[in-house]
Amino acid sequence: MTRWHWLELLLLTAGAAAALAAVPVGMGVWGLSWDALNHHVYLGFFSESPRWHLDVNAASIQSWQYPYLYWPVFRLTQLPIDGATAGAAWAIFLCCLMVPPLWVITYGLLPAQAGVWQAVWERSAACALGLLSLVVLSAIGTTANDPLSVVPLLWALALMSMPEPDNRRVAVSGAFWGMACAFKISNALSLPLLLVWWWRGPGLTFPLCRGWALGFGATAGFGLAYAPWGWQLWVQTGNPFFPFFQSVFGG
C-alpha cells in the first residue's frame, strides 16, 4: 500500500462517518432498540460494575450474555449530551471500526486493472455496499450494536483477501475469528468460509500446516477474548458457558 492508498482509506472513512452520522442528527434523536434497557444498557453497566451479589437473572436470559460489547452504548447514555449527538458519535465509532477492514477486503479482491480512478471508484462502491447491509443500517440511529461483534470477523476476512497467505497470517486470521465467536457465538457459522479459503497451496503439507495455524489462532483468540467473562460465569455458576452446556460442565 502506498501513501495514496492510506489517503484514500482516510477520506473514505471520514466520508462514510459523516454520511451515517447525519442520520441521527437529521432525526434529532438516538432511537432505543427494543431490548435497549435489559440488554444494551444493563449489560454495559454490568460490564464495568458486576452485580453478582445483587442481581439474579435480572435481564432474563440476556443476563448471561457476553457484556463487554455493550459498554460503549452504556457510556454514551451516561454522558451529558443529547440523543442526536450520542447517535452521531455511535455512528462515527462504528464507521471507524468497520470501514478499514472493508476497504482492505475490497483492495485485495478488486486490484487496479483499468485505471487508478476506476479502482478507487470500485473500492468505494464496494465499501458503501457493505455499509448498506440491513444489519448496519439497523444499528445507525439506534442503540443496536450487532455490527460491533462482526469487526474481528471483518479483519479475519481482510487478512484472507491478501495474496500469498502464510501460516502466521493464517494464525492471526484465526485469532480474529475466535474473538468474533467469543463476542457472538453465531459468528462461528463463518468457519467453513475460513477453512475453504485457506485450503490453498501445492501438496498436502502446506494445507495441513495452515489448518493447525488456523486452529491454534482461533483457540487463542477465543480464549483471550472470552476469559474475563467465562471466569466470572465459572466462579458464579460452575459453568463458563452458562446457561448452555450444563450436561457437560454441570454447575
C-alpha atoms as a PDB file:
ATOM      1  CA  MET A   1       0.000   0.000   0.000  1.00  0.00           C
ATOM      2  CA  THR A   2       1.223   3.482  -0.889  1.00  0.00           C
ATOM      3  CA  ARG A   3       0.563   6.748   0.907  1.00  0.00           C
ATOM      4  CA  TRP A   4      -2.172   7.444  -1.660  1.00  0.00           C
ATOM      5  CA  HIS A   5      -3.938   4.288  -0.584  1.00  0.00           C
ATOM      6  CA  TRP A   6      -3.766   5.439   3.033  1.00  0.00           C
ATOM      7  CA  LEU A   7      -5.197   8.820   1.994  1.00  0.00           C
ATOM      8  CA  GLU A   8      -7.973   7.076   0.082  1.00  0.00           C
ATOM      9  CA  LEU A   9      -8.830   4.987   3.144  1.00  0.00           C
ATOM     10  CA  LEU A  10      -8.813   8.055   5.410  1.00  0.00           C
ATOM     11  CA  LEU A  11     -11.097  10.063   3.114  1.00  0.00           C
ATOM     12  CA  LEU A  12     -13.452   7.131   2.615  1.00  0.00           C
ATOM     13  CA  THR A  13     -13.717   6.547   6.362  1.00  0.00           C
ATOM     14  CA  ALA A  14     -14.361  10.229   7.029  1.00  0.00           C
ATOM     15  CA  GLY A  15     -16.981  10.425   4.273  1.00  0.00           C
ATOM     16  CA  ALA A  16     -18.805   7.307   5.452  1.00  0.00           C
ATOM     17  CA  ALA A  17     -18.740   8.501   9.059  1.00  0.00           C
ATOM     18  CA  ALA A  18     -20.182  11.885   8.079  1.00  0.00           C
ATOM     19  CA  ALA A  19     -22.913  10.267   5.963  1.00  0.00           C
ATOM     20  CA  LEU A  20     -24.030   7.813   8.641  1.00  0.00           C
ATOM     21  CA  ALA A  21     -23.732  10.362  11.461  1.00  0.00           C
ATOM     22  CA  ALA A  22     -26.136  12.582   9.520  1.00  0.00           C
ATOM     23  CA  VAL A  23     -28.927  10.035  10.109  1.00  0.00           C
ATOM     24  CA  PRO A  24     -29.365  10.545  13.888  1.00  0.00           C
ATOM     25  CA  VAL A  25     -28.591  14.241  13.522  1.00  0.00           C
ATOM     26  CA  GLY A  26     -31.345  14.568  10.938  1.00  0.00           C
ATOM     27  CA  MET A  27     -33.729  12.550  13.099  1.00  0.00           C
ATOM     28  CA  GLY A  28     -32.878  14.661  16.125  1.00  0.00           C
ATOM     29  CA  VAL A  29     -32.895  11.611  18.412  1.00  0.00           C
ATOM     30  CA  TRP A  30     -30.977   8.429  19.156  1.00  0.00           C
ATOM     31  CA  GLY A  31     -33.521   5.650  18.951  1.00  0.00           C
ATOM     32  CA  LEU A  32     -33.706   2.894  21.539  1.00  0.00           C
ATOM     33  CA  SER A  33     -33.767  -0.662  20.261  1.00  0.00           C
ATOM     34  CA  TRP A  34     -36.479  -2.962  21.542  1.00  0.00           C
ATOM     35  CA  ASP A  35     -34.119  -4.564  24.056  1.00  0.00           C
ATOM     36  CA  ALA A  36     -32.137  -1.442  24.933  1.00  0.00           C
ATOM     37  CA  LEU A  37     -32.795  -1.400  28.687  1.00  0.00           C
ATOM     38  CA  ASN A  38     -32.496  -5.088  29.584  1.00  0.00           C
ATOM     39  CA  HIS A  39     -29.797  -5.769  27.033  1.00  0.00           C
ATOM     40  CA  HIS A  40     -27.712  -2.848  25.803  1.00  0.00           C
ATOM     41  CA  VAL A  41     -27.757  -0.574  28.841  1.00  0.00           C
ATOM     42  CA  TYR A  42     -27.915  -3.209  31.574  1.00  0.00           C
ATOM     43  CA  LEU A  43     -25.126  -5.381  30.169  1.00  0.00           C
ATOM     44  CA  GLY A  44     -22.975  -2.307  29.549  1.00  0.00           C
ATOM     45  CA  PHE A  45     -23.473  -1.295  33.167  1.00  0.00           C
ATOM     46  CA  PHE A  46     -22.731  -4.844  34.325  1.00  0.00           C
ATOM     47  CA  SER A  47     -19.507  -4.939  32.303  1.00  0.00           C
ATOM     48  CA  GLU A  48     -17.931  -2.213  34.443  1.00  0.00           C
ATOM     49  CA  SER A  49     -19.836  -2.820  37.696  1.00  0.00           C
ATOM     50  CA  PRO A  50     -20.561  -6.557  38.196  1.00  0.00           C
ATOM     51  CA  ARG A  51     -23.711  -7.109  40.275  1.00  0.00           C
ATOM     52  CA  TRP A  52     -23.474 -10.794  41.130  1.00  0.00           C
ATOM     53  CA  HIS A  53     -24.219 -10.006  44.768  1.00  0.00           C
ATOM     54  CA  LEU A  54     -27.390  -8.088  43.860  1.00  0.00           C
ATOM     55  CA  ASP A  55     -28.957  -9.461  40.678  1.00  0.00           C
ATOM     56  CA  VAL A  56     -30.092 -12.939  39.732  1.00  0.00           C
ATOM     57  CA  ASN A  57     -31.294 -13.239  36.140  1.00  0.00           C
ATOM     58  CA  ALA A  58     -32.065  -9.524  36.145  1.00  0.00           C
ATOM     59  CA  ALA A  59     -32.396  -9.256  32.349  1.00  0.00           C
ATOM     60  CA  SER A  60     -33.738 -12.771  31.753  1.00  0.00           C
ATOM     61  CA  ILE A  61     -31.543 -14.954  29.514  1.00  0.00           C
ATOM     62  CA  GLN A  62     -29.643 -11.861  28.383  1.00  0.00           C
ATOM     63  CA  SER A  63     -28.128 -11.512  31.869  1.00  0.00           C
ATOM     64  CA  TRP A  64     -25.656 -14.234  30.909  1.00  0.00           C
ATOM     65  CA  GLN A  65     -24.537 -12.844  27.571  1.00  0.00           C
ATOM     66  CA  TYR A  66     -21.034 -11.545  26.894  1.00  0.00           C
ATOM     67  CA  PRO A  67     -21.424  -7.969  28.234  1.00  0.00           C
ATOM     68  CA  TYR A  68     -18.355  -6.018  27.167  1.00  0.00           C
ATOM     69  CA  LEU A  69     -19.574  -5.110  23.672  1.00  0.00           C
ATOM     70  CA  TYR A  70     -22.350  -3.083  25.263  1.00  0.00           C
ATOM     71  CA  TRP A  71     -20.100  -0.837  27.314  1.00  0.00           C
ATOM     72  CA  PRO A  72     -19.787   1.916  24.623  1.00  0.00           C
ATOM     73  CA  VAL A  73     -23.576   2.272  24.363  1.00  0.00           C
ATOM     74  CA  PHE A  74     -23.927   2.391  28.132  1.00  0.00           C
ATOM     75  CA  ARG A  75     -21.191   5.032  28.439  1.00  0.00           C
ATOM     76  CA  LEU A  76     -22.822   7.176  25.760  1.00  0.00           C
ATOM     77  CA  THR A  77     -26.120   7.085  27.653  1.00  0.00           C
ATOM     78  CA  GLN A  78     -24.324   8.451  30.722  1.00  0.00           C
ATOM     79  CA  LEU A  79     -22.748  11.470  29.009  1.00  0.00           C
ATOM     80  CA  PRO A  80     -24.357  14.922  29.383  1.00  0.00           C
ATOM     81  CA  ILE A  81     -25.185  15.158  25.669  1.00  0.00           C
ATOM     82  CA  ASP A  82     -28.415  14.983  23.693  1.00  0.00           C
ATOM     83  CA  GLY A  83     -29.582  11.913  21.816  1.00  0.00           C
ATOM     84  CA  ALA A  84     -28.679  13.191  18.352  1.00  0.00           C
ATOM     85  CA  THR A  85     -25.084  13.853  19.405  1.00  0.00           C
ATOM     86  CA  ALA A  86     -24.817  10.441  21.069  1.00  0.00           C
ATOM     87  CA  GLY A  87     -26.241   8.761  17.964  1.00  0.00           C
ATOM     88  CA  ALA A  88     -23.789  10.612  15.717  1.00  0.00           C
ATOM     89  CA  ALA A  89     -20.886   9.595  17.961  1.00  0.00           C
ATOM     90  CA  TRP A  90     -22.044   5.968  17.828  1.00  0.00           C
ATOM     91  CA  ALA A  91     -22.269   6.057  14.011  1.00  0.00           C
ATOM     92  CA  ILE A  92     -18.786   7.572  13.702  1.00  0.00           C
ATOM     93  CA  PHE A  93     -17.388   4.980  16.117  1.00  0.00           C
ATOM     94  CA  LEU A  94     -18.848   2.105  14.084  1.00  0.00           C
ATOM     95  CA  CYS A  95     -17.562   3.572  10.807  1.00  0.00           C
ATOM     96  CA  CYS A  96     -14.030   3.976  12.121  1.00  0.00           C
ATOM     97  CA  LEU A  97     -14.028   0.298  13.107  1.00  0.00           C
ATOM     98  CA  MET A  98     -15.759  -1.171  10.061  1.00  0.00           C
ATOM     99  CA  VAL A  99     -14.555   0.811   7.043  1.00  0.00           C
ATOM    100  CA  PRO A 100     -10.805  -0.073   7.300  1.00  0.00           C
ATOM    101  CA  PRO A 101     -11.300  -3.874   7.143  1.00  0.00           C
ATOM    102  CA  LEU A 102     -13.976  -3.453   4.452  1.00  0.00           C
ATOM    103  CA  TRP A 103     -11.539  -1.394   2.394  1.00  0.00           C
ATOM    104  CA  VAL A 104      -8.734  -3.934   2.835  1.00  0.00           C
ATOM    105  CA  ILE A 105     -11.099  -6.676   1.625  1.00  0.00           C
ATOM    106  CA  THR A 106     -12.020  -4.691  -1.475  1.00  0.00           C
ATOM    107  CA  TYR A 107      -8.363  -3.789  -2.050  1.00  0.00           C
ATOM    108  CA  GLY A 108      -7.443  -7.469  -2.064  1.00  0.00           C
ATOM    109  CA  LEU A 109     -10.384  -8.607  -4.187  1.00  0.00           C
ATOM    110  CA  LEU A 110     -10.540  -5.677  -6.641  1.00  0.00           C
ATOM    111  CA  PRO A 111      -6.984  -4.957  -7.786  1.00  0.00           C
ATOM    112  CA  ALA A 112      -6.364  -1.934 -10.025  1.00  0.00           C
ATOM    113  CA  GLN A 113      -6.582  -3.210 -13.608  1.00  0.00           C
ATOM    114  CA  ALA A 114      -8.408  -0.490 -15.521  1.00  0.00           C
ATOM    115  CA  GLY A 115      -7.013   2.768 -14.230  1.00  0.00           C
ATOM    116  CA  VAL A 116      -6.414   4.325 -10.824  1.00  0.00           C
ATOM    117  CA  TRP A 117      -9.645   6.299 -10.589  1.00  0.00           C
ATOM    118  CA  GLN A 118     -11.801   3.387 -11.662  1.00  0.00           C
ATOM    119  CA  ALA A 119     -10.145   1.263  -8.968  1.00  0.00           C
ATOM    120  CA  VAL A 120     -10.857   3.969  -6.378  1.00  0.00           C
ATOM    121  CA  TRP A 121     -14.483   4.109  -7.511  1.00  0.00           C
ATOM    122  CA  GLU A 122     -14.862   0.318  -7.365  1.00  0.00           C
ATOM    123  CA  ARG A 123     -13.381   0.109  -3.874  1.00  0.00           C
ATOM    124  CA  SER A 124     -15.536   2.986  -2.637  1.00  0.00           C
ATOM    125  CA  ALA A 125     -18.693   1.449  -4.114  1.00  0.00           C
ATOM    126  CA  ALA A 126     -17.870  -1.951  -2.579  1.00  0.00           C
ATOM    127  CA  CYS A 127     -17.362  -0.392   0.864  1.00  0.00           C
ATOM    128  CA  ALA A 128     -20.626   1.538   0.513  1.00  0.00           C
ATOM    129  CA  LEU A 129     -22.402  -1.695  -0.397  1.00  0.00           C
ATOM    130  CA  GLY A 130     -21.019  -3.317   2.747  1.00  0.00           C
ATOM    131  CA  LEU A 131     -22.240  -0.438   4.917  1.00  0.00           C
ATOM    132  CA  LEU A 132     -25.711  -0.635   3.331  1.00  0.00           C
ATOM    133  CA  SER A 133     -26.264  -4.037   4.910  1.00  0.00           C
ATOM    134  CA  LEU A 134     -29.518  -4.192   6.857  1.00  0.00           C
ATOM    135  CA  VAL A 135     -27.565  -5.172   9.977  1.00  0.00           C
ATOM    136  CA  VAL A 136     -25.500  -1.985   9.749  1.00  0.00           C
ATOM    137  CA  LEU A 137     -28.410   0.255   8.828  1.00  0.00           C
ATOM    138  CA  SER A 138     -30.456  -1.071  11.746  1.00  0.00           C
ATOM    139  CA  ALA A 139     -27.656   0.000  14.096  1.00  0.00           C
ATOM    140  CA  ILE A 140     -27.447   3.550  12.747  1.00  0.00           C
ATOM    141  CA  GLY A 141     -29.668   5.843  14.753  1.00  0.00           C
ATOM    142  CA  THR A 142     -30.393   3.194  17.407  1.00  0.00           C
ATOM    143  CA  THR A 143     -28.571   1.548  20.298  1.00  0.00           C
ATOM    144  CA  ALA A 144     -28.172  -1.754  18.408  1.00  0.00           C
ATOM    145  CA  ASN A 145     -24.570  -2.954  18.432  1.00  0.00           C
ATOM    146  CA  ASP A 146     -24.629  -6.065  16.259  1.00  0.00           C
ATOM    147  CA  PRO A 147     -22.019  -4.691  13.806  1.00  0.00           C
ATOM    148  CA  LEU A 148     -19.539  -4.324  16.666  1.00  0.00           C
ATOM    149  CA  SER A 149     -19.377  -8.094  17.141  1.00  0.00           C
ATOM    150  CA  VAL A 150     -18.508  -8.562  13.456  1.00  0.00           C
ATOM    151  CA  VAL A 151     -15.452  -6.273  13.380  1.00  0.00           C
ATOM    152  CA  PRO A 152     -12.943  -9.064  14.246  1.00  0.00           C
ATOM    153  CA  LEU A 153     -14.573 -11.265  11.608  1.00  0.00           C
ATOM    154  CA  LEU A 154     -14.116  -8.499   9.035  1.00  0.00           C
ATOM    155  CA  TRP A 155     -10.416  -8.347   9.886  1.00  0.00           C
ATOM    156  CA  ALA A 156     -10.182 -12.130   9.501  1.00  0.00           C
ATOM    157  CA  LEU A 157     -11.694 -11.789   6.031  1.00  0.00           C
ATOM    158  CA  ALA A 158      -9.386  -8.863   5.275  1.00  0.00           C
ATOM    159  CA  LEU A 159      -6.325 -10.969   6.044  1.00  0.00           C
ATOM    160  CA  MET A 160      -7.727 -13.782   3.928  1.00  0.00           C
ATOM    161  CA  SER A 161      -8.198 -11.463   0.940  1.00  0.00           C
ATOM    162  CA  MET A 162      -4.491 -10.618   0.806  1.00  0.00           C
ATOM    163  CA  PRO A 163      -2.353 -12.548  -1.709  1.00  0.00           C
ATOM    164  CA  GLU A 164       0.181 -15.253  -0.845  1.00  0.00           C
ATOM    165  CA  PRO A 165      -1.067 -16.457   2.558  1.00  0.00           C
ATOM    166  CA  ASP A 166       1.463 -17.681   5.096  1.00  0.00           C
ATOM    167  CA  ASN A 167       0.997 -19.614   8.315  1.00  0.00           C
ATOM    168  CA  ARG A 168       1.483 -16.567  10.528  1.00  0.00           C
ATOM    169  CA  ARG A 169      -1.262 -14.644   8.761  1.00  0.00           C
ATOM    170  CA  VAL A 170      -3.488 -17.727   8.935  1.00  0.00           C
ATOM    171  CA  ALA A 171      -2.989 -17.843  12.720  1.00  0.00           C
ATOM    172  CA  VAL A 172      -3.813 -14.145  13.115  1.00  0.00           C
ATOM    173  CA  SER A 173      -6.881 -14.555  10.929  1.00  0.00           C
ATOM    174  CA  GLY A 174      -7.983 -17.475  13.092  1.00  0.00           C
ATOM    175  CA  ALA A 175      -7.433 -15.384  16.218  1.00  0.00           C
ATOM    176  CA  PHE A 176      -9.734 -12.687  14.879  1.00  0.00           C
ATOM    177  CA  TRP A 177     -12.328 -15.328  14.048  1.00  0.00           C
ATOM    178  CA  GLY A 178     -12.043 -16.746  17.570  1.00  0.00           C
ATOM    179  CA  MET A 179     -12.545 -13.275  19.041  1.00  0.00           C
ATOM    180  CA  ALA A 180     -15.673 -12.794  16.907  1.00  0.00           C
ATOM    181  CA  CYS A 181     -17.037 -16.127  18.194  1.00  0.00           C
ATOM    182  CA  ALA A 182     -16.390 -15.041  21.785  1.00  0.00           C
ATOM    183  CA  PHE A 183     -18.276 -11.823  21.123  1.00  0.00           C
ATOM    184  CA  LYS A 184     -21.211 -13.596  19.467  1.00  0.00           C
ATOM    185  CA  ILE A 185     -21.378 -17.345  19.001  1.00  0.00           C
ATOM    186  CA  SER A 186     -23.346 -17.073  15.732  1.00  0.00           C
ATOM    187  CA  ASN A 187     -20.127 -15.822  14.088  1.00  0.00           C
ATOM    188  CA  ALA A 188     -18.945 -19.445  14.267  1.00  0.00           C
ATOM    189  CA  LEU A 189     -21.111 -20.103  11.198  1.00  0.00           C
ATOM    190  CA  SER A 190     -18.366 -18.457   9.124  1.00  0.00           C
ATOM    191  CA  LEU A 191     -15.893 -21.277   9.871  1.00  0.00           C
ATOM    192  CA  PRO A 192     -16.471 -23.146   6.570  1.00  0.00           C
ATOM    193  CA  LEU A 193     -15.539 -19.968   4.701  1.00  0.00           C
ATOM    194  CA  LEU A 194     -12.202 -19.742   6.534  1.00  0.00           C
ATOM    195  CA  LEU A 195     -11.438 -23.415   6.013  1.00  0.00           C
ATOM    196  CA  VAL A 196     -12.167 -23.348   2.288  1.00  0.00           C
ATOM    197  CA  TRP A 197     -10.335 -20.061   1.758  1.00  0.00           C
ATOM    198  CA  TRP A 198      -7.136 -21.154   3.480  1.00  0.00           C
ATOM    199  CA  TRP A 199      -7.082 -24.585   1.809  1.00  0.00           C
ATOM    200  CA  ARG A 200      -4.699 -23.429  -0.889  1.00  0.00           C
ATOM    201  CA  GLY A 201      -1.167 -24.302  -1.961  1.00  0.00           C
ATOM    202  CA  PRO A 202       0.557 -27.275  -3.611  1.00  0.00           C
ATOM    203  CA  GLY A 203       0.654 -30.651  -1.927  1.00  0.00           C
ATOM    204  CA  LEU A 204      -0.828 -31.721   1.412  1.00  0.00           C
ATOM    205  CA  THR A 205       1.784 -30.412   3.846  1.00  0.00           C
ATOM    206  CA  PHE A 206       1.014 -26.732   3.388  1.00  0.00           C
ATOM    207  CA  PRO A 207      -2.777 -27.006   3.869  1.00  0.00           C
ATOM    208  CA  LEU A 208      -2.239 -29.132   6.995  1.00  0.00           C
ATOM    209  CA  CYS A 209       0.142 -26.526   8.424  1.00  0.00           C
ATOM    210  CA  ARG A 210      -2.374 -23.825   7.688  1.00  0.00           C
ATOM    211  CA  GLY A 211      -5.070 -25.891   9.365  1.00  0.00           C
ATOM    212  CA  TRP A 212      -3.002 -26.193  12.542  1.00  0.00           C
ATOM    213  CA  ALA A 213      -2.234 -22.460  12.445  1.00  0.00           C
ATOM    214  CA  LEU A 214      -5.906 -21.626  11.985  1.00  0.00           C
ATOM    215  CA  GLY A 215      -6.948 -23.884  14.853  1.00  0.00           C
ATOM    216  CA  PHE A 216      -4.263 -22.547  17.195  1.00  0.00           C
ATOM    217  CA  GLY A 217      -5.086 -18.925  16.372  1.00  0.00           C
ATOM    218  CA  ALA A 218      -8.829 -19.459  16.764  1.00  0.00           C
ATOM    219  CA  THR A 219      -8.391 -21.152  20.143  1.00  0.00           C
ATOM    220  CA  ALA A 220      -6.061 -18.434  21.411  1.00  0.00           C
ATOM    221  CA  GLY A 221      -8.265 -15.607  20.130  1.00  0.00           C
ATOM    222  CA  PHE A 222     -11.412 -17.093  21.651  1.00  0.00           C
ATOM    223  CA  GLY A 223      -9.707 -17.855  24.957  1.00  0.00           C
ATOM    224  CA  LEU A 224      -8.202 -14.396  25.394  1.00  0.00           C
ATOM    225  CA  ALA A 225     -11.415 -12.580  24.458  1.00  0.00           C
ATOM    226  CA  TYR A 226     -13.785 -14.800  26.447  1.00  0.00           C
ATOM    227  CA  ALA A 227     -11.634 -15.392  29.533  1.00  0.00           C
ATOM    228  CA  PRO A 228     -12.803 -12.372  31.625  1.00  0.00           C
ATOM    229  CA  TRP A 229     -16.472 -13.297  31.242  1.00  0.00           C
ATOM    230  CA  GLY A 230     -16.014 -17.069  31.230  1.00  0.00           C
ATOM    231  CA  TRP A 231     -14.111 -16.899  34.520  1.00  0.00           C
ATOM    232  CA  GLN A 232     -16.912 -14.937  36.195  1.00  0.00           C
ATOM    233  CA  LEU A 233     -19.507 -17.433  34.996  1.00  0.00           C
ATOM    234  CA  TRP A 234     -17.321 -20.303  36.201  1.00  0.00           C
ATOM    235  CA  VAL A 235     -16.997 -18.799  39.669  1.00  0.00           C
ATOM    236  CA  GLN A 236     -20.673 -17.859  39.987  1.00  0.00           C
ATOM    237  CA  THR A 237     -22.387 -20.801  38.276  1.00  0.00           C
ATOM    238  CA  GLY A 238     -19.775 -23.534  37.847  1.00  0.00           C
ATOM    239  CA  ASN A 239     -20.170 -23.343  34.068  1.00  0.00           C
ATOM    240  CA  PRO A 240     -18.131 -20.900  31.917  1.00  0.00           C
ATOM    241  CA  PHE A 241     -20.849 -21.033  29.225  1.00  0.00           C
ATOM    242  CA  PHE A 242     -23.890 -20.850  31.477  1.00  0.00           C
ATOM    243  CA  PRO A 243     -26.765 -21.437  30.782  1.00  0.00           C
ATOM    244  CA  PHE A 244     -25.547 -23.644  27.915  1.00  0.00           C
ATOM    245  CA  PHE A 245     -23.691 -26.979  28.068  1.00  0.00           C
ATOM    246  CA  GLN A 246     -24.981 -27.805  31.531  1.00  0.00           C
ATOM    247  CA  SER A 247     -24.768 -31.502  30.704  1.00  0.00           C
ATOM    248  CA  VAL A 248     -21.021 -31.058  30.118  1.00  0.00           C
ATOM    249  CA  PHE A 249     -19.974 -28.648  32.855  1.00  0.00           C
ATOM    250  CA  GLY A 250     -22.747 -29.097  35.399  1.00  0.00           C
ATOM    251  CA  GLY A 251     -22.979 -26.220  37.833  1.00  0.00           C
END
